[in-house]
Amino acid sequence: MRTVIESSDDLPRDRERGVARHSLLEQLRELVADGAPLPATALPKELYGAILTHFGSIADARRAAGLSASLPARRRWSEEAVIEELRRLHGLGLSIRDRDLKDAGYSGVVEAAQVYCGGLARARRLARIAIARRIPRQRSSWDAERVVAEIRALRAAGRPLARSKVDARLYLAARRYFGSWGEAVDTAGVDYGRVRLHAPSQPVEQLLEQLRALAAELPELTVSQLEAHPLGYTLRRRFSSLAAAVRAAGIVHWPRRARNPVLTAAETLAAVRARGALGSSMVRRAVRREDGALVRAAERHFGSWRQALAAAGLAPR
């Protein structure tokens, strides 16, 4: 008998395939709930291809989704039916353009418009559906003079000049011709330091000097307290860790680490007996998960958790 061992590398891929199959089935059920037909021509191309990859056929996917495996009756198209369907889709807010209809999963009505109406454009006219003409955007030319003029116009209108508040095209043009947004603003005669939203970052040496002053002022500060301090937050953003910042500042033995005092042998036995009296689990693994300090104290004073139980007069279970 041959034993097949499934490698651990295959498990994540199997889970991903399971998630993908579940997502595809959910999409199929949503299409049925929306009243959309389920023949392959009515499905988006991406969904149709993914279904064939994971299930082999649309019918198998329907069965896996708990739907009827048989196709709904094929719609009988005519010029009137095409016009009625286009009006219905237009009333739902859909764009009645060739690409938009196909992307929405209604390629069937586009094909029917070609056969029965001589094309989608004529079908729209028959349905009295007007669509806005798409006007191509003209490419605007930028130069250094225009960048300066735009910045001055924004300043005169009282608009913000912070880089996150201006048009992206103006910002990119400013960087292209002046190297940075701040330099462009200064060239336009505006002090960028007065209009920027965020102050520039402090120099590293200035931060380290603040850290040295904090260590001298609060020698008993703990690691957790430094992490919660505003300076600690800033240092974590500028250094790989707080410890790296402390080393860079040349500080030793600070901040201190808060440690819980180790229980004495008598306190350990009392805590063990109290736990047993409460009926809590006395299995080492469970105790360590709930009270690691007690297990460490027991092993330190008695050699092992089992011997600590024996010393407390409790039978190991």
Protein backbone atom coordinates (compact mmCIF):
# COMPACT_ATOMS: atom_id res chain seq x y z
CA MET A 1 0.00 0.00 0.00
CA ARG A 2 1.48 3.34 -1.08
CA THR A 3 1.44 6.20 1.41
CA VAL A 4 1.15 9.71 0.00
CA ILE A 5 2.73 12.36 2.15
CA GLU A 6 1.39 15.82 1.57
CA SER A 7 4.14 18.42 1.83
CA SER A 8 3.60 21.44 4.02
CA ASP A 9 4.23 23.67 0.97
CA ASP A 10 1.07 22.31 -0.66
CA LEU A 11 -1.17 23.22 2.28
CA PRO A 12 -1.17 27.02 1.75
CA ARG A 13 -1.87 26.50 -1.96
CA ASP A 14 -4.77 24.18 -1.15
CA ARG A 15 -6.23 26.77 1.22
CA GLU A 16 -5.86 29.48 -1.43
CA ARG A 17 -7.63 27.30 -3.99
CA GLY A 18 -10.43 26.65 -1.51
CA VAL A 19 -10.86 30.36 -0.83
CA ALA A 20 -10.88 31.12 -4.58
CA ARG A 21 -13.53 28.45 -5.26
CA HIS A 22 -15.71 29.76 -2.44
CA SER A 23 -15.42 33.32 -3.81
CA LEU A 24 -16.43 32.19 -7.32
CA LEU A 25 -19.48 30.37 -5.99
CA GLU A 26 -20.52 33.47 -4.03
CA GLN A 27 -20.30 35.55 -7.22
CA LEU A 28 -22.49 33.05 -9.08
CA ARG A 29 -25.12 33.17 -6.34
CA GLU A 30 -25.09 36.98 -6.39
CA LEU A 31 -25.72 36.99 -10.14
CA VAL A 32 -28.75 34.78 -9.68
CA ALA A 33 -30.00 36.98 -6.83
CA ASP A 34 -29.69 40.02 -9.12
CA GLY A 35 -31.79 38.32 -11.78
CA ALA A 36 -28.94 38.15 -14.28
CA PRO A 37 -28.83 35.19 -16.70
CA LEU A 38 -26.19 32.53 -16.26
CA PRO A 39 -25.17 31.41 -19.75
CA ALA A 40 -21.47 31.78 -20.46
CA THR A 41 -22.08 34.75 -22.77
CA ALA A 42 -23.65 36.69 -19.88
CA LEU A 43 -20.76 36.15 -17.46
CA PRO A 44 -17.79 38.56 -17.22
CA LYS A 45 -14.76 37.16 -18.98
CA GLU A 46 -12.64 37.04 -15.83
CA LEU A 47 -15.32 35.16 -13.90
CA TYR A 48 -15.96 32.73 -16.78
CA GLY A 49 -12.24 31.91 -17.13
CA ALA A 50 -11.80 31.42 -13.38
CA ILE A 51 -14.81 29.08 -13.24
CA LEU A 52 -13.41 26.90 -16.02
CA THR A 53 -10.05 26.78 -14.23
CA HIS A 54 -11.47 25.72 -10.85
CA PHE A 55 -14.57 23.69 -11.83
CA GLY A 56 -14.08 22.56 -15.42
CA SER A 57 -17.50 23.74 -16.62
CA ILE A 58 -20.25 26.21 -15.84
CA ALA A 59 -22.67 23.34 -15.08
CA ASP A 60 -20.35 21.89 -12.42
CA ALA A 61 -19.96 25.33 -10.86
CA ARG A 62 -23.76 25.76 -10.74
CA ARG A 63 -24.14 22.42 -8.98
CA ALA A 64 -21.39 23.30 -6.49
CA ALA A 65 -23.19 26.58 -5.78
CA GLY A 66 -26.47 24.78 -5.15
CA LEU A 67 -28.04 26.19 -8.31
CA SER A 68 -29.85 24.49 -11.11
CA ALA A 69 -27.35 22.91 -13.49
CA SER A 70 -29.58 23.56 -16.49
CA LEU A 71 -29.41 26.84 -18.36
CA PRO A 72 -32.37 29.17 -18.27
CA ALA A 73 -34.41 29.35 -21.41
CA ARG A 74 -32.51 31.29 -24.07
CA ARG A 75 -33.96 34.72 -24.54
CA ARG A 76 -35.69 35.32 -27.85
CA TRP A 77 -34.36 38.58 -29.18
CA SER A 78 -36.03 40.98 -31.59
CA GLU A 79 -35.69 44.64 -32.34
CA GLU A 80 -38.40 45.44 -29.79
CA ALA A 81 -36.79 43.20 -27.15
CA VAL A 82 -33.41 44.88 -27.64
CA ILE A 83 -34.94 48.36 -27.29
CA GLU A 84 -36.85 47.31 -24.17
CA GLU A 85 -33.71 45.81 -22.58
CA LEU A 86 -31.60 48.88 -23.34
CA ARG A 87 -34.22 51.14 -21.78
CA ARG A 88 -34.31 48.90 -18.70
CA LEU A 89 -30.53 48.97 -18.29
CA HIS A 90 -30.45 52.73 -18.86
CA GLY A 91 -33.07 53.13 -16.14
CA LEU A 92 -30.80 51.20 -13.76
CA GLY A 93 -28.07 53.77 -14.36
CA LEU A 94 -25.84 51.65 -16.61
CA SER A 95 -23.81 53.26 -19.36
CA ILE A 96 -25.21 52.12 -22.73
CA ARG A 97 -21.84 51.86 -24.44
CA ASP A 98 -20.40 48.76 -26.05
CA ARG A 99 -17.47 48.30 -23.65
CA ASP A 100 -19.43 49.30 -20.55
CA LEU A 101 -22.25 46.83 -21.27
CA LYS A 102 -19.80 43.99 -21.91
CA ASP A 103 -17.86 44.76 -18.74
CA ALA A 104 -21.13 44.68 -16.79
CA GLY A 105 -21.93 41.21 -18.18
CA TYR A 106 -24.50 42.22 -20.81
CA SER A 107 -22.64 41.23 -23.96
CA GLY A 108 -25.78 39.35 -25.12
CA VAL A 109 -27.78 42.52 -25.67
CA VAL A 110 -24.81 44.07 -27.54
CA GLU A 111 -24.70 41.09 -29.90
CA ALA A 112 -28.49 41.18 -30.34
CA ALA A 113 -28.30 44.90 -31.17
CA GLN A 114 -25.85 44.09 -33.95
CA VAL A 115 -28.13 41.41 -35.41
CA TYR A 116 -31.58 43.01 -35.02
CA CYS A 117 -30.87 46.75 -35.00
CA GLY A 118 -27.81 47.14 -37.20
CA GLY A 119 -25.53 48.08 -34.30
CA LEU A 120 -25.64 49.43 -30.77
CA ALA A 121 -25.56 53.07 -31.89
CA ARG A 122 -28.75 52.63 -33.98
CA ALA A 123 -30.37 50.64 -31.16
CA ARG A 124 -29.72 53.57 -28.79
CA ARG A 125 -31.35 55.97 -31.25
CA LEU A 126 -34.39 53.71 -31.57
CA ALA A 127 -34.61 53.52 -27.78
CA ARG A 128 -34.23 57.33 -27.62
CA ILE A 129 -31.22 57.03 -25.29
CA ALA A 130 -28.73 59.88 -25.53
CA ILE A 131 -25.25 59.46 -24.15
CA ALA A 132 -22.77 62.22 -23.42
CA ARG A 133 -19.96 62.56 -25.90
CA ARG A 134 -16.57 61.89 -24.44
CA ILE A 135 -14.31 64.88 -25.03
CA PRO A 136 -10.62 63.97 -24.99
CA ARG A 137 -8.61 65.89 -22.44
CA GLN A 138 -6.12 68.29 -23.91
CA ARG A 139 -2.59 67.94 -22.66
CA SER A 140 -1.56 71.14 -20.96
CA SER A 141 2.01 72.36 -21.27
CA TRP A 142 3.90 73.24 -18.11
CA ASP A 143 7.01 75.31 -17.64
CA ALA A 144 8.71 77.09 -14.76
CA GLU A 145 6.88 80.37 -15.43
CA ARG A 146 3.48 78.72 -15.35
CA VAL A 147 4.31 76.91 -12.09
CA VAL A 148 5.22 80.21 -10.42
CA ALA A 149 2.09 81.91 -11.84
CA GLU A 150 -0.18 79.10 -10.57
CA ILE A 151 1.33 79.30 -7.07
CA ARG A 152 0.89 83.06 -6.95
CA ALA A 153 -2.71 82.71 -8.15
CA LEU A 154 -3.47 80.23 -5.37
CA ARG A 155 -1.86 82.54 -2.84
CA ALA A 156 -3.92 85.50 -4.07
CA ALA A 157 -7.11 83.46 -3.84
CA GLY A 158 -6.34 82.45 -0.26
CA ARG A 159 -6.02 78.76 -1.18
CA PRO A 160 -3.69 76.45 0.83
CA LEU A 161 -0.21 75.93 -0.54
CA ALA A 162 0.72 72.81 1.40
CA ARG A 163 1.87 70.14 -1.04
CA SER A 164 -0.90 67.75 0.02
CA LYS A 165 -3.55 70.38 -0.81
CA VAL A 166 -2.59 71.41 -4.35
CA ASP A 167 -3.35 69.80 -7.70
CA ALA A 168 -1.10 66.84 -8.41
CA ARG A 169 -0.18 68.17 -11.87
CA LEU A 170 1.05 71.45 -10.37
CA TYR A 171 3.00 69.59 -7.68
CA LEU A 172 4.71 67.29 -10.20
CA ALA A 173 5.55 70.20 -12.50
CA ALA A 174 7.04 72.09 -9.54
CA ARG A 175 9.27 69.15 -8.69
CA ARG A 176 10.28 68.80 -12.33
CA TYR A 177 11.38 72.42 -12.78
CA PHE A 178 12.49 73.37 -9.26
CA GLY A 179 13.53 70.10 -7.65
CA SER A 180 11.01 70.30 -4.82
CA TRP A 181 7.65 71.84 -4.01
CA GLY A 182 9.13 73.98 -1.25
CA GLU A 183 11.71 75.48 -3.63
CA ALA A 184 8.98 76.34 -6.13
CA VAL A 185 6.91 78.08 -3.45
CA ASP A 186 9.93 80.09 -2.28
CA THR A 187 10.68 81.07 -5.88
CA ALA A 188 7.11 82.38 -6.19
CA GLY A 189 7.87 84.77 -3.32
CA VAL A 190 6.09 82.84 -0.56
CA ASP A 191 7.82 81.59 2.59
CA TYR A 192 7.18 77.85 2.45
CA GLY A 193 7.96 77.49 6.16
CA ARG A 194 4.80 79.51 6.90
CA VAL A 195 2.44 77.55 4.65
CA ARG A 196 3.55 73.94 5.17
CA LEU A 197 1.34 71.79 7.39
CA HIS A 198 4.05 69.78 9.12
CA ALA A 199 7.22 71.07 10.67
CA PRO A 200 10.47 69.61 9.33
CA SER A 201 11.89 66.62 11.15
CA GLN A 202 14.27 67.30 14.02
CA PRO A 203 17.94 66.46 13.47
CA VAL A 204 19.00 63.12 14.93
CA GLU A 205 21.57 64.69 17.26
CA GLN A 206 18.88 66.97 18.69
CA LEU A 207 16.68 63.96 19.44
CA LEU A 208 19.57 62.15 21.12
CA GLU A 209 20.29 65.22 23.27
CA GLN A 210 16.64 65.20 24.39
CA LEU A 211 16.98 61.51 25.23
CA ARG A 212 20.06 62.17 27.38
CA ALA A 213 18.22 64.95 29.21
CA LEU A 214 15.26 62.63 29.82
CA ALA A 215 17.58 59.91 31.23
CA ALA A 216 19.16 62.41 33.61
CA GLU A 217 15.77 63.75 34.72
CA LEU A 218 14.03 60.37 35.13
CA PRO A 219 16.65 57.72 35.98
CA GLU A 220 13.96 55.26 37.18
CA LEU A 221 12.03 55.36 33.90
CA THR A 222 11.10 51.87 32.64
CA VAL A 223 11.17 50.59 29.07
CA SER A 224 7.38 50.55 28.83
CA GLN A 225 7.18 54.12 30.13
CA LEU A 226 9.73 55.29 27.56
CA GLU A 227 7.75 53.57 24.79
CA ALA A 228 4.64 55.49 25.88
CA HIS A 229 6.54 58.79 26.03
CA PRO A 230 6.18 61.16 23.00
CA LEU A 231 9.97 61.15 22.59
CA GLY A 232 9.94 57.35 22.55
CA TYR A 233 7.36 57.38 19.75
CA THR A 234 9.53 59.74 17.68
CA LEU A 235 12.66 57.69 18.30
CA ARG A 236 10.97 54.47 17.15
CA ARG A 237 10.23 56.18 13.82
CA ARG A 238 13.82 57.39 13.36
CA PHE A 239 15.73 54.35 14.69
CA SER A 240 15.32 50.62 14.23
CA SER A 241 14.40 50.31 17.92
CA LEU A 242 14.46 52.21 21.21
CA ALA A 243 17.48 50.19 22.26
CA ALA A 244 19.34 51.39 19.16
CA ALA A 245 18.48 55.00 20.02
CA VAL A 246 19.70 54.55 23.62
CA ARG A 247 22.99 53.05 22.35
CA ALA A 248 23.43 55.92 19.88
CA ALA A 249 22.99 58.38 22.77
CA GLY A 250 25.72 56.60 24.74
CA ILE A 251 23.39 55.77 27.64
CA VAL A 252 23.93 52.56 29.64
CA HIS A 253 21.74 50.76 32.18
CA TRP A 254 18.74 52.88 31.24
CA PRO A 255 15.77 52.65 30.95
CA ARG A 256 15.34 49.97 33.55
CA ARG A 257 13.28 46.86 32.99
CA ALA A 258 10.42 46.36 35.44
CA ARG A 259 10.67 42.87 36.91
CA ASN A 260 8.26 41.13 39.24
CA PRO A 261 10.03 39.96 42.44
CA VAL A 262 10.67 36.21 42.54
CA LEU A 263 8.54 34.35 45.11
CA THR A 264 10.30 32.85 48.11
CA ALA A 265 10.06 29.10 48.75
CA ALA A 266 7.36 29.62 51.40
CA GLU A 267 5.38 31.98 49.15
CA THR A 268 5.67 29.44 46.33
CA LEU A 269 4.25 26.59 48.44
CA ALA A 270 1.42 28.84 49.67
CA ALA A 271 0.54 29.82 46.10
CA VAL A 272 0.61 26.16 44.97
CA ARG A 273 -1.70 25.09 47.82
CA ALA A 274 -4.06 28.02 47.13
CA ARG A 275 -4.28 27.03 43.48
CA GLY A 276 -5.03 23.44 44.44
CA ALA A 277 -7.72 24.56 46.91
CA LEU A 278 -9.47 26.47 44.12
CA GLY A 279 -9.68 23.33 42.03
CA SER A 280 -7.61 24.84 39.21
CA SER A 281 -5.60 22.63 36.90
CA MET A 282 -2.26 21.60 38.38
CA VAL A 283 -0.76 20.38 35.10
CA ARG A 284 2.49 22.25 34.52
CA ARG A 285 1.59 23.30 30.99
CA ALA A 286 -1.71 24.82 32.13
CA VAL A 287 -0.17 26.54 35.15
CA ARG A 288 2.65 27.97 33.06
CA ARG A 289 0.15 29.40 30.60
CA GLU A 290 -1.84 31.08 33.41
CA ASP A 291 0.92 31.92 35.92
CA GLY A 292 4.41 31.55 34.50
CA ALA A 293 6.01 33.26 37.51
CA LEU A 294 4.71 30.53 39.83
CA VAL A 295 6.19 27.75 37.70
CA ARG A 296 9.56 29.53 37.48
CA ALA A 297 9.66 30.01 41.25
CA ALA A 298 8.72 26.36 41.87
CA GLU A 299 11.47 25.09 39.56
CA ARG A 300 13.99 27.50 41.07
CA HIS A 301 13.36 26.47 44.69
CA PHE A 302 12.37 22.79 44.28
CA GLY A 303 14.02 21.65 41.07
CA SER A 304 10.83 20.83 39.18
CA TRP A 305 7.10 21.48 39.22
CA ARG A 306 6.41 17.88 40.31
CA GLN A 307 8.72 18.18 43.31
CA ALA A 308 7.08 21.48 44.28
CA LEU A 309 3.69 19.74 44.27
CA ALA A 310 5.08 17.00 46.48
CA ALA A 311 6.54 19.59 48.89
CA ALA A 312 3.14 21.29 49.07
CA GLY A 313 1.52 17.97 49.98
CA LEU A 314 -0.33 17.63 46.68
CA ALA A 315 -0.27 14.47 44.65
CA PRO A 316 0.88 15.09 41.05
CA ARG A 317 -1.92 14.47 38.53
